[in-house]
Protein backbone atom coordinates (compact mmCIF):
# COMPACT_ATOMS: atom_id res chain seq x y z
CA MET A 1 111.39 67.05 95.13
CA GLY A 2 113.34 67.95 91.70
CA ARG A 3 112.44 70.75 89.80
CA ILE A 4 109.32 72.50 89.85
CA PRO A 5 107.18 72.25 86.96
CA PHE A 6 107.54 68.41 86.33
CA ARG A 7 106.94 66.99 83.33
CA VAL A 8 104.17 64.91 83.86
CA VAL A 9 102.64 61.32 82.50
CA VAL A 10 99.20 60.83 82.38
CA HIS A 11 98.72 57.27 83.15
CA LYS A 12 94.48 56.09 82.24
CA ASP A 13 91.80 54.08 82.88
CA LEU A 14 93.30 52.38 85.21
CA ARG A 15 90.51 49.85 86.25
CA VAL A 16 89.70 50.25 90.30
CA PRO A 17 87.42 47.45 92.09
CA MET A 18 84.61 47.88 94.44
CA PRO A 19 82.89 45.32 96.72
CA ASP A 20 80.38 43.92 95.09
CA GLY A 21 82.13 43.55 91.91
CA VAL A 22 81.33 46.56 89.62
CA LEU A 23 85.16 48.22 88.52
CA LEU A 24 85.42 52.20 88.02
CA LEU A 25 87.39 53.81 85.66
CA ALA A 26 90.46 56.65 86.82
CA ASP A 27 93.22 58.42 85.47
CA ARG A 28 96.50 58.95 87.01
CA TYR A 29 99.00 61.46 86.71
CA THR A 30 102.09 61.35 87.86
CA PRO A 31 105.50 64.02 87.66
CA ILE A 32 108.14 62.69 86.50
CA GLY A 33 111.11 62.31 89.04
CA ALA A 34 109.57 62.51 91.78
CA GLU A 35 110.57 60.11 94.47
CA SER A 36 107.36 59.17 96.34
CA PRO A 37 104.68 62.14 95.28
CA PRO A 38 102.24 62.05 98.11
CA THR A 39 98.40 61.72 96.12
CA ILE A 40 95.79 63.29 95.54
CA LEU A 41 92.21 61.44 95.44
CA ILE A 42 89.86 63.85 93.52
CA ARG A 43 86.53 61.51 92.55
CA SER A 44 83.83 62.89 89.75
CA PRO A 45 80.75 62.00 88.07
CA TYR A 46 81.49 64.69 85.46
CA GLY A 47 84.18 62.91 83.78
CA ARG A 48 88.14 62.95 83.85
CA ARG A 49 89.61 64.49 81.01
CA GLY A 50 89.30 67.56 79.21
CA LEU A 51 89.61 70.78 81.86
CA PHE A 52 89.05 68.41 84.36
CA GLY A 53 92.62 66.53 83.53
CA TYR A 54 94.05 70.00 83.05
CA ALA A 55 92.90 71.93 85.84
CA TYR A 56 93.06 69.42 88.68
CA GLY A 57 95.85 66.42 87.03
CA ARG A 58 98.22 68.03 85.17
CA ALA A 59 97.99 71.65 87.28
CA PHE A 60 98.70 69.66 90.88
CA ALA A 61 101.25 67.11 88.90
CA ARG A 62 103.70 69.54 87.48
CA HIS A 63 103.89 70.81 90.77
CA GLY A 64 105.09 67.60 92.11
CA PHE A 65 102.04 65.39 93.36
CA GLN A 66 100.59 62.64 91.84
CA VAL A 67 96.69 62.36 91.15
CA ILE A 68 94.04 59.92 90.59
CA LEU A 69 91.45 61.33 88.98
CA GLN A 70 88.53 58.93 88.91
CA SER A 71 85.22 58.85 87.51
CA CYS A 72 82.01 57.81 89.92
CA ARG A 73 79.55 54.85 89.15
CA GLY A 74 78.30 54.82 86.09
CA GLY A 75 79.30 57.84 83.89
CA PHE A 76 82.10 57.66 81.58
CA GLY A 77 83.16 54.41 81.54
CA SER A 78 83.37 53.37 84.91
CA GLY A 79 80.70 50.27 85.59
CA GLY A 80 77.25 50.12 87.54
CA GLU A 81 74.19 52.40 87.82
CA LEU A 82 75.26 56.26 89.49
CA SER A 83 73.73 56.61 92.46
CA PRO A 84 74.15 60.59 93.43
CA LEU A 85 74.99 61.25 96.59
CA ASP A 86 75.17 57.55 98.11
CA GLU A 87 79.23 58.07 97.48
CA GLN A 88 80.72 56.38 100.89
CA ASP A 89 81.48 53.04 100.23
CA ASP A 90 83.01 53.23 96.78
CA GLY A 91 85.08 56.08 98.45
CA LEU A 92 86.26 53.91 100.70
CA ALA A 93 86.88 51.15 98.37
CA THR A 94 89.32 53.54 96.30
CA VAL A 95 91.09 54.60 98.79
CA GLU A 96 91.95 50.79 99.77
CA TRP A 97 92.78 50.10 97.01
CA MET A 98 94.86 53.01 96.18
CA ARG A 99 97.22 51.97 99.55
CA ASP A 100 97.72 48.88 97.70
CA GLN A 101 99.27 50.10 94.95
CA PRO A 102 103.61 50.09 94.75
CA TRP A 103 103.65 53.80 93.38
CA TYR A 104 101.51 54.91 96.54
CA GLY A 105 103.85 57.14 98.78
CA GLY A 106 101.98 56.58 101.90
CA SER A 107 99.86 60.34 102.30
CA PHE A 108 96.87 61.35 100.38
CA ALA A 109 95.05 64.65 100.19
CA MET A 110 91.51 65.17 98.59
CA HIS A 111 89.97 67.94 96.89
CA GLY A 112 87.50 69.43 94.27
CA PRO A 113 84.65 71.37 94.33
CA SER A 114 80.68 70.93 94.68
CA TYR A 115 80.06 67.25 94.13
CA LEU A 116 83.94 66.55 94.44
CA GLY A 117 83.59 68.15 97.78
CA TYR A 118 80.98 66.17 98.78
CA ALA A 119 82.45 62.91 98.13
CA GLN A 120 85.21 63.92 100.32
CA TRP A 121 82.95 64.54 103.40
CA ALA A 122 81.48 60.90 102.40
CA ILE A 123 84.77 59.64 103.76
CA ALA A 124 86.94 61.90 105.65
CA PRO A 125 86.25 60.93 109.04
CA TYR A 126 87.21 56.70 108.06
CA ALA A 127 89.68 57.27 105.33
CA GLY A 128 92.25 56.89 107.76
CA PRO A 129 95.39 58.92 109.26
CA ASP A 130 96.81 58.88 106.11
CA LEU A 131 94.84 61.68 104.65
CA LYS A 132 96.24 64.87 105.76
CA ALA A 133 94.50 67.67 103.83
CA MET A 134 91.26 68.54 102.35
CA ALA A 135 90.93 71.29 99.67
CA THR A 136 86.66 71.13 99.46
CA GLN A 137 85.01 74.58 97.11
CA VAL A 138 81.30 75.78 96.99
CA THR A 139 80.06 72.27 99.04
CA ALA A 140 78.94 70.87 102.27
CA SER A 141 78.73 67.63 103.66
CA GLN A 142 75.29 67.45 103.37
CA PHE A 143 72.68 68.19 99.82
CA ARG A 144 69.27 68.08 101.76
CA ASP A 145 68.71 71.56 102.78
CA ALA A 146 70.03 72.63 99.82
CA ALA A 147 67.42 71.11 98.15
CA TYR A 148 64.47 71.97 100.51
CA VAL A 149 65.74 74.90 101.53
CA GLY A 150 63.56 76.24 104.77
CA GLY A 151 61.73 73.55 103.71
CA SER A 152 60.56 74.77 100.58
CA PHE A 153 61.63 72.45 97.66
CA ALA A 154 64.49 74.12 95.02
CA LEU A 155 62.58 73.28 92.25
CA GLU A 156 65.21 75.15 89.56
CA ALA A 157 68.16 73.14 91.06
CA THR A 158 67.22 69.74 91.87
CA LEU A 159 65.67 69.55 88.22
CA SER A 160 69.08 71.33 86.41
CA TRP A 161 71.51 69.17 88.43
CA SER A 162 69.20 65.89 87.27
CA THR A 163 68.50 66.75 83.65
CA LEU A 164 72.19 67.76 83.63
CA THR A 165 73.92 64.48 85.18
CA ALA A 166 71.00 62.34 82.74
CA MET A 167 72.00 63.64 79.77
CA MET A 168 75.78 63.65 80.13
CA SER A 169 75.77 60.40 79.71
CA GLY A 170 73.79 60.57 76.55
CA PRO A 171 75.14 62.28 72.87
CA LEU A 172 74.55 65.56 74.08
CA SER A 173 77.61 65.12 77.00
CA GLY A 174 79.58 67.83 75.65
CA ALA A 175 76.84 70.54 75.35
CA ALA A 176 74.93 69.52 78.50
CA VAL A 177 75.67 72.85 80.79
CA PHE A 178 74.59 74.41 77.96
CA PHE A 179 71.82 72.36 77.39
CA ALA A 180 70.47 71.60 80.77
CA PRO A 181 69.41 75.17 82.33
CA ARG A 182 67.39 75.90 79.33
CA ARG A 183 65.45 72.56 79.25
CA THR A 184 64.63 72.50 82.75
CA GLN A 185 63.56 76.63 82.47
CA ARG A 186 61.00 75.27 79.89
CA ALA A 187 59.87 72.09 82.26
CA VAL A 188 59.09 74.36 85.14
CA LEU A 189 56.93 77.18 83.11
CA SER A 190 55.05 74.48 81.73
CA GLY A 191 52.79 74.34 84.51
CA ARG A 192 52.84 70.39 85.18
CA PRO A 193 52.88 69.02 88.85
CA LEU A 194 56.68 68.63 89.40
CA GLY A 195 56.41 64.88 89.33
CA GLU A 196 56.35 65.55 85.41
CA LEU A 197 58.88 67.72 84.99
CA ASP A 198 61.80 65.17 84.69
CA LEU A 199 60.19 64.30 81.84
CA LEU A 200 59.87 67.18 80.19
CA ALA A 201 63.07 68.70 80.69
CA ALA A 202 65.15 65.16 80.09
CA GLY A 203 62.57 63.16 77.59
CA ARG A 204 62.49 60.36 80.84
CA SER A 205 62.27 59.86 84.36
CA LEU A 206 65.17 60.96 86.94
CA PRO A 207 65.02 58.55 89.21
CA PHE A 208 67.28 60.92 91.66
CA PHE A 209 64.81 63.78 91.22
CA GLN A 210 61.71 61.93 91.53
CA GLU A 211 63.54 60.66 95.14
CA VAL A 212 64.43 64.00 96.45
CA LEU A 213 60.90 65.14 94.90
CA THR A 214 59.47 62.35 97.28
CA HIS A 215 61.41 62.00 100.20
CA HIS A 216 61.34 65.37 102.03
CA ALA A 217 63.47 67.67 104.39
CA ASP A 218 63.23 64.91 107.29
CA PRO A 219 66.63 63.72 108.44
CA ALA A 220 65.52 60.43 109.55
CA VAL A 221 64.20 59.59 106.39
CA PRO A 222 66.51 56.72 105.51
CA PHE A 223 67.03 58.51 101.70
CA TRP A 224 68.76 61.45 103.41
CA LYS A 225 70.13 59.60 106.47
CA LYS A 226 72.96 57.34 104.93
CA ARG A 227 73.24 60.61 102.66
CA ASP A 228 73.96 63.30 105.27
CA PHE A 229 77.72 63.67 106.75
CA SER A 230 77.75 66.33 108.82
CA ALA A 231 77.66 64.73 111.78
CA THR A 232 81.00 63.10 111.59
CA VAL A 233 82.07 66.77 110.12
CA GLY A 234 83.85 67.47 113.65
CA GLU A 235 85.82 64.27 113.95
CA VAL A 236 88.05 64.68 111.00
CA ASP A 237 91.22 64.71 111.99
CA ALA A 238 93.26 66.05 108.04
CA ALA A 239 93.40 69.77 106.99
CA VAL A 240 90.88 71.09 105.85
CA THR A 241 90.72 74.83 103.49
CA MET A 242 87.33 75.82 102.23
CA THR A 243 86.27 78.04 99.29
CA GLY A 244 82.89 79.62 99.11
CA GLY A 245 80.84 82.06 97.04
CA TRP A 246 78.44 84.59 98.73
CA TYR A 247 75.90 83.79 95.42
CA ASP A 248 76.36 79.94 96.20
CA VAL A 249 73.86 77.63 96.53
CA PHE A 250 75.43 75.32 99.20
CA LEU A 251 77.31 78.61 101.43
CA PRO A 252 75.27 78.78 104.58
CA TRP A 253 76.03 74.63 105.52
CA GLN A 254 79.32 75.00 104.30
CA LEU A 255 79.55 77.73 107.03
CA LYS A 256 77.59 75.55 109.11
CA ASP A 257 80.88 72.36 108.28
CA TYR A 258 83.27 74.96 109.04
CA MET A 259 81.29 75.87 112.07
CA ALA A 260 81.23 72.03 113.31
CA MET A 261 84.83 71.98 112.87
CA ARG A 262 85.48 75.05 115.00
CA ALA A 263 83.32 73.32 117.73
CA ALA A 264 85.53 70.13 117.68
CA GLY A 265 88.46 72.05 118.03
CA ARG A 266 89.42 71.88 114.77
CA GLN A 267 91.04 74.93 112.95
CA PRO A 268 90.00 74.93 109.32
CA TYR A 269 90.72 77.88 106.35
CA LEU A 270 88.11 80.20 105.13
CA THR A 271 87.73 82.04 101.79
CA ILE A 272 84.43 83.33 100.94
CA GLY A 273 84.64 85.76 97.77
CA PRO A 274 82.15 87.27 94.95
CA TRP A 275 81.03 84.22 93.18
CA HIS A 276 78.21 81.64 92.35
CA HIS A 277 78.02 78.34 92.56
CA ALA A 278 79.11 78.04 88.36
CA ASP A 279 81.32 81.08 88.74
CA VAL A 280 84.64 80.26 87.03
CA ARG A 281 86.17 82.83 88.66
CA HIS A 282 86.68 81.04 91.49
CA GLY A 283 88.72 77.81 90.39
CA ARG A 284 92.02 79.69 90.12
CA LEU A 285 91.99 81.35 93.04
CA ALA A 286 91.42 77.62 94.65
CA ASN A 287 92.98 75.42 92.62
CA LEU A 288 95.81 78.09 93.92
CA ASP A 289 94.76 78.03 98.00
CA ALA A 290 94.81 73.99 97.56
CA LEU A 291 98.05 73.78 96.28
CA ALA A 292 99.54 76.37 98.74
CA TRP A 293 97.51 74.01 101.68
CA PHE A 294 98.84 70.16 100.32
CA ARG A 295 102.71 71.60 100.41
CA ALA A 296 101.94 72.94 103.85
CA HIS A 297 99.99 69.26 104.82
CA LEU A 298 101.94 67.12 102.61
CA LEU A 299 105.33 68.48 102.31
CA GLY A 300 105.82 70.74 105.07
CA ASP A 301 106.35 73.77 103.11
CA THR A 302 104.32 76.17 104.98
CA SER A 303 105.50 79.29 103.00
CA GLY A 304 102.42 79.68 100.79
CA LEU A 305 99.69 79.82 103.57
CA ARG A 306 98.21 83.58 105.25
CA VAL A 307 98.59 84.31 108.87
CA SER A 308 94.62 84.39 109.52
CA PRO A 309 92.40 81.66 108.69
CA VAL A 310 89.10 83.48 107.95
CA ARG A 311 89.06 85.70 104.72
CA LEU A 312 86.23 87.57 103.24
CA PHE A 313 85.44 89.22 99.98
CA VAL A 314 82.95 92.32 101.38
CA THR A 315 80.58 93.18 98.90
CA GLY A 316 79.44 96.93 97.97
CA ALA A 317 82.93 97.48 98.92
CA GLY A 318 85.33 95.35 96.88
CA GLU A 319 87.41 94.47 99.49
CA TRP A 320 89.36 91.55 101.17
CA ARG A 321 89.77 91.30 104.32
CA ASP A 322 91.12 88.72 106.82
CA PHE A 323 89.52 87.66 110.09
CA GLN A 324 90.79 84.94 112.56
CA ASP A 325 87.00 83.34 112.92
CA TRP A 326 83.71 83.53 111.26
CA PRO A 327 81.17 84.36 112.93
CA VAL A 328 83.59 87.29 112.85
CA PRO A 329 84.65 88.42 116.59
CA GLY A 330 82.83 91.30 118.27
CA MET A 331 79.96 90.97 115.49
CA GLN A 332 76.65 92.19 116.97
CA GLN A 333 73.38 91.18 115.96
CA ARG A 334 70.72 94.06 115.66
CA ARG A 335 67.05 94.18 114.58
CA TRP A 336 65.80 96.12 111.49
CA HIS A 337 62.10 96.55 112.42
CA LEU A 338 59.79 96.92 109.55
CA GLN A 339 57.91 100.11 110.02
CA PRO A 340 54.41 101.70 109.24
CA GLY A 341 54.14 102.88 106.28
CA PHE A 342 56.79 100.45 104.91
CA GLY A 343 59.59 102.00 106.41
CA LEU A 344 62.53 100.14 108.14
CA ALA A 345 64.33 101.60 110.99
CA PRO A 346 66.34 99.99 114.31
CA ASP A 347 63.36 101.87 116.25
CA ASN A 348 60.93 99.72 117.81
CA PRO A 349 57.15 99.78 115.79
CA ALA A 350 54.14 101.98 116.76
CA ASP A 351 50.64 100.36 116.80
CA ALA A 352 49.72 100.12 113.20
CA GLU A 353 47.35 97.75 111.47
CA PRO A 354 48.93 94.99 109.72
CA ASP A 355 50.18 94.86 105.59
CA ARG A 356 48.78 93.21 103.69
CA TYR A 357 49.42 90.67 99.82
CA ARG A 358 47.76 88.02 98.14
CA TYR A 359 49.76 85.30 97.53
CA ASN A 360 48.10 82.59 93.99
CA PRO A 361 50.33 79.89 93.19
CA ALA A 362 48.49 80.25 89.99
CA ARG A 363 50.21 83.46 89.39
CA PRO A 364 53.42 82.69 91.23
CA THR A 365 55.98 85.74 92.19
CA PRO A 366 58.55 85.03 90.66
CA VAL A 367 62.80 85.52 91.44
CA VAL A 368 65.05 87.83 90.29
CA GLY A 369 68.68 86.70 91.24
CA GLY A 370 69.52 84.95 93.59
CA PRO A 371 71.84 81.50 94.43
CA THR A 372 71.04 79.09 91.80
CA LEU A 373 73.07 76.23 90.69
CA LEU A 374 73.97 76.75 87.04
CA GLY A 375 73.06 79.98 86.23
CA ASN A 376 74.70 83.34 86.77
CA SER A 377 73.35 84.68 90.59
CA ALA A 378 75.71 87.61 90.57
CA PRO A 379 72.82 90.64 92.11
CA ARG A 380 70.50 92.09 89.81
CA ASP A 381 68.06 95.09 89.81
CA ASN A 382 64.71 94.37 92.10
CA ARG A 383 62.62 97.01 91.20
CA ARG A 384 60.43 95.29 88.46
CA LEU A 385 59.90 92.48 91.03
CA GLU A 386 59.10 95.31 93.83
CA ALA A 387 56.68 96.84 92.12
CA ARG A 388 54.29 93.44 92.43
CA ASP A 389 51.56 93.49 94.98
CA ASP A 390 52.18 90.05 96.36
CA VAL A 391 55.92 91.72 97.67
CA LEU A 392 56.02 93.82 100.43
CA VAL A 393 58.43 96.17 100.55
CA TYR A 394 60.70 98.03 103.63
CA THR A 395 62.89 101.16 102.77
CA GLY A 396 64.93 102.59 105.83
CA ASP A 397 66.50 106.11 105.49
CA THR A 398 69.37 107.16 103.50
CA LEU A 399 72.56 105.81 105.40
CA GLY A 400 74.21 108.72 106.27
CA GLU A 401 77.96 106.85 106.70
CA ASP A 402 78.79 103.08 105.81
CA LEU A 403 77.63 100.53 107.27
CA GLU A 404 79.40 97.10 107.10
CA LEU A 405 77.15 94.14 107.86
CA ILE A 406 79.09 90.62 107.95
CA GLY A 407 77.85 87.46 109.67
CA PRO A 408 74.43 85.84 109.86
CA VAL A 409 71.25 87.01 108.37
CA THR A 410 67.96 86.11 110.12
CA ALA A 411 63.98 87.31 110.32
CA ASP A 412 61.82 87.22 112.65
CA VAL A 413 58.20 87.86 111.42
CA PHE A 414 54.38 88.07 112.77
CA LEU A 415 52.31 86.31 109.87
CA ARG A 416 48.36 85.60 109.58
CA SER A 417 47.58 83.30 106.53
CA SER A 418 44.08 82.54 105.60
CA THR A 419 46.17 78.81 104.63
CA GLN A 420 48.16 76.65 106.64
CA HIS A 421 50.14 75.66 103.84
CA THR A 422 51.83 78.76 102.72
CA ASP A 423 55.88 80.22 102.26
CA LEU A 424 57.45 83.34 103.89
CA VAL A 425 60.25 84.90 101.47
CA VAL A 426 62.08 87.65 102.55
CA ARG A 427 64.56 89.51 100.90
CA VAL A 428 67.46 91.78 101.83
CA CYS A 429 68.43 94.59 98.95
CA ASP A 430 70.68 97.41 98.81
CA VAL A 431 68.64 100.53 96.76
CA HIS A 432 71.62 103.15 95.55
CA PRO A 433 70.88 106.75 94.58
CA ASP A 434 69.48 106.02 91.04
CA GLY A 435 66.93 103.91 92.24
CA SER A 436 68.45 100.62 91.74
CA SER A 437 67.54 97.76 94.12
CA LEU A 438 70.26 94.90 94.06
CA ASN A 439 69.39 91.84 95.96
CA VAL A 440 72.27 90.85 98.77
CA CYS A 441 70.07 87.64 100.49
CA GLU A 442 67.48 86.01 101.13
CA GLY A 443 66.22 82.90 102.78
CA VAL A 444 62.27 81.14 102.97
CA ARG A 445 60.30 79.39 105.76
CA ARG A 446 57.45 76.62 104.55
CA LEU A 447 54.49 76.49 106.74
CA VAL A 448 52.76 73.34 107.64
CA PRO A 449 50.08 73.33 110.09
CA GLY A 450 51.25 73.33 113.73
CA THR A 451 54.85 74.49 112.71
CA PRO A 452 55.04 76.82 113.43
CA PRO A 453 52.64 77.49 115.98
CA ALA A 454 49.11 79.98 115.79
CA ASP A 455 48.39 82.21 118.31
CA ASP A 456 44.83 82.43 119.64
CA GLU A 457 44.33 85.24 117.13
CA GLY A 458 46.30 82.67 114.29
CA VAL A 459 49.09 85.29 113.91
CA ARG A 460 52.48 82.97 113.86
CA ARG A 461 56.08 84.01 114.49
CA VAL A 462 58.23 82.91 111.90
CA GLU A 463 62.08 83.00 111.99
CA VAL A 464 63.65 82.79 108.33
CA GLU A 465 67.85 82.04 108.21
CA LEU A 466 68.69 84.47 105.07
CA TRP A 467 72.15 83.90 103.57
CA PRO A 468 74.96 85.55 105.37
CA ILE A 469 76.50 88.13 104.11
CA ALA A 470 79.72 90.58 104.38
CA HIS A 471 78.71 93.45 102.30
CA ARG A 472 78.91 96.88 103.00
CA PHE A 473 75.85 99.67 102.38
CA LYS A 474 77.48 103.02 101.54
CA ARG A 475 76.71 106.55 102.27
CA GLY A 476 73.94 107.51 100.67
CA ASN A 477 71.81 104.13 99.91
CA ARG A 478 68.93 102.53 101.81
CA ILE A 479 69.23 99.24 103.30
CA ARG A 480 65.70 97.69 101.64
CA VAL A 481 63.66 94.44 102.98
CA HIS A 482 61.32 91.92 100.75
CA VAL A 483 58.61 89.94 102.33
CA ALA A 484 56.57 87.79 100.04
CA SER A 485 56.06 84.63 99.72
CA GLY A 486 57.40 82.80 96.15
CA ALA A 487 60.44 82.98 94.92
CA TYR A 488 59.43 80.82 91.32
CA PRO A 489 60.55 78.71 89.76
CA ARG A 490 63.72 78.65 92.24
CA LEU A 491 61.38 77.60 94.89
CA ALA A 492 58.70 74.96 94.04
CA ARG A 493 55.40 76.75 93.98
CA ASN A 494 53.54 75.95 97.54
CA LEU A 495 50.12 75.53 96.41
CA GLY A 496 48.15 76.18 99.79
CA THR A 497 46.51 73.11 100.21
CA GLY A 498 49.03 70.11 101.37
CA GLU A 499 49.05 68.13 98.53
CA PRO A 500 52.31 65.91 97.64
CA LEU A 501 54.53 67.32 96.27
CA GLY A 502 54.80 65.97 93.13
CA THR A 503 51.23 65.25 91.91
CA GLY A 504 49.94 68.48 93.86
CA HIS A 505 47.66 70.24 91.22
CA THR A 506 45.04 71.77 93.25
CA ALA A 507 46.12 75.78 94.10
CA VAL A 508 45.08 77.88 96.71
CA ALA A 509 45.90 81.29 96.72
CA ALA A 510 46.81 82.52 100.43
CA ASP A 511 45.68 86.13 102.35
CA GLN A 512 48.79 87.07 104.15
CA GLU A 513 48.95 89.52 107.03
CA ILE A 514 52.46 90.95 108.01
CA PHE A 515 52.50 92.69 111.27
CA HIS A 516 54.70 95.33 112.60
CA ASP A 517 53.53 96.70 115.98
CA PRO A 518 54.82 96.36 119.75
CA ALA A 519 53.19 93.66 120.45
CA HIS A 520 54.35 91.86 116.92
CA PRO A 521 57.53 93.45 116.06
CA SER A 522 58.38 91.89 112.69
CA ALA A 523 62.22 92.45 111.30
CA VAL A 524 65.52 91.73 109.88
CA ILE A 525 68.34 90.82 112.20
CA LEU A 526 71.58 92.29 110.56
CA PRO A 527 75.25 91.15 111.58
CA HIS A 528 76.47 95.10 112.88
CA LEU A 529 80.18 95.62 113.25
CA PRO A 530 81.40 97.57 115.90
CA GLY A 531 82.84 100.72 115.03
């Protein structure tokens, strides 16, 4: 292969024809002196020069790979109109074009985070046997469930991404990452109907935002069906390594992809660190992981691979741990019950009246911390939120020894509401001796008439899937659980009326009752490791 690092030459603006006649532009980074180097294909809607060219193009080419860095349809010189998440046809056409080039060495890999990772899943099952490896980061094979978390519209993430991509095609493209979150925040605080927020954030109607707003989370809806590749994850023959973050918006669905591959007999690698989606810290580690992965599966050099397929960073402990699988073998799910007097304990609850709060959409319950797309999702002190009268707070006793919880987290809550349309938000926090209450994970479930069903007394048993965790609650700390009905503006307000999401404006307050008695043992289910 020659001496590393290789000198690199860049061939810019290669014209890649699509079946409909549209031309997409790509740059090729070539290591000088490498004989028939394998190719790494990276398809991006965010440009292909500057940081992308350096971190992806030159970084891998210096190690003996040639890199094709392509701009997706409708951006950065590529023709056509951007059709977000509709990447399968263009991706497969690009692979066919690549195979026809005289410089193609006979094998390739794919690489990239977020949308770039999603574009990999769009074509991976159909790309052919010369696709040897994939390195995906903070991404998933479908974004529908991240747009409608638990059925509740992820307003902040969807609007900020739609605004970002719109700005990247305009005069502020260089500063889009800076301005898009600010414009999104200004729009969501306006109080206007959701269908008008793109006008406020981007200055014009954004077709993708309107499409997502219109098409709810039903996977059978044609809009989502052609953009959901989760059903074919197990069919991917290429070797896959995944990098995720405990505070990433896509983590639950990235782990579903991992488990789908395991169920199909595959052995992907998995690394999860203390990162959020836009966290620059995971970029260097992800590139190093991908480089070792590509050397192993395209060049036959396995010296850089770790032995254990799963590596997790345990928050609260500040330690990396290696495991053989996810969920971690031996993990036991234990119920921590909501108790009378706002306690929290593994013991079964005693007879007690339900706790009550009122959720008012005109004064929506805010969110402090938690997974965001463009912002910083690091844990934050939630004491201000806990002081509100529309948040119930249940706290366990001081821990006499360290407690490590590693695995999926769910909640099982018995709720009676004065409205058929409402949301249930459940959050787990780590309370330190100084009183600070740092969010660890959370989840939401949107309730509609009949789902979940109510019993004869109107009580509904609601299951909520929270973000997974690997966290050490230290001796002297306490475990705390929040129960609420909003997390604004990360999640759209539930107006309580069932009006269409985009145009609804009538708000009805919801009087909520949370039961915790032997017949209604509301609990959060936490993943304990033996010993």
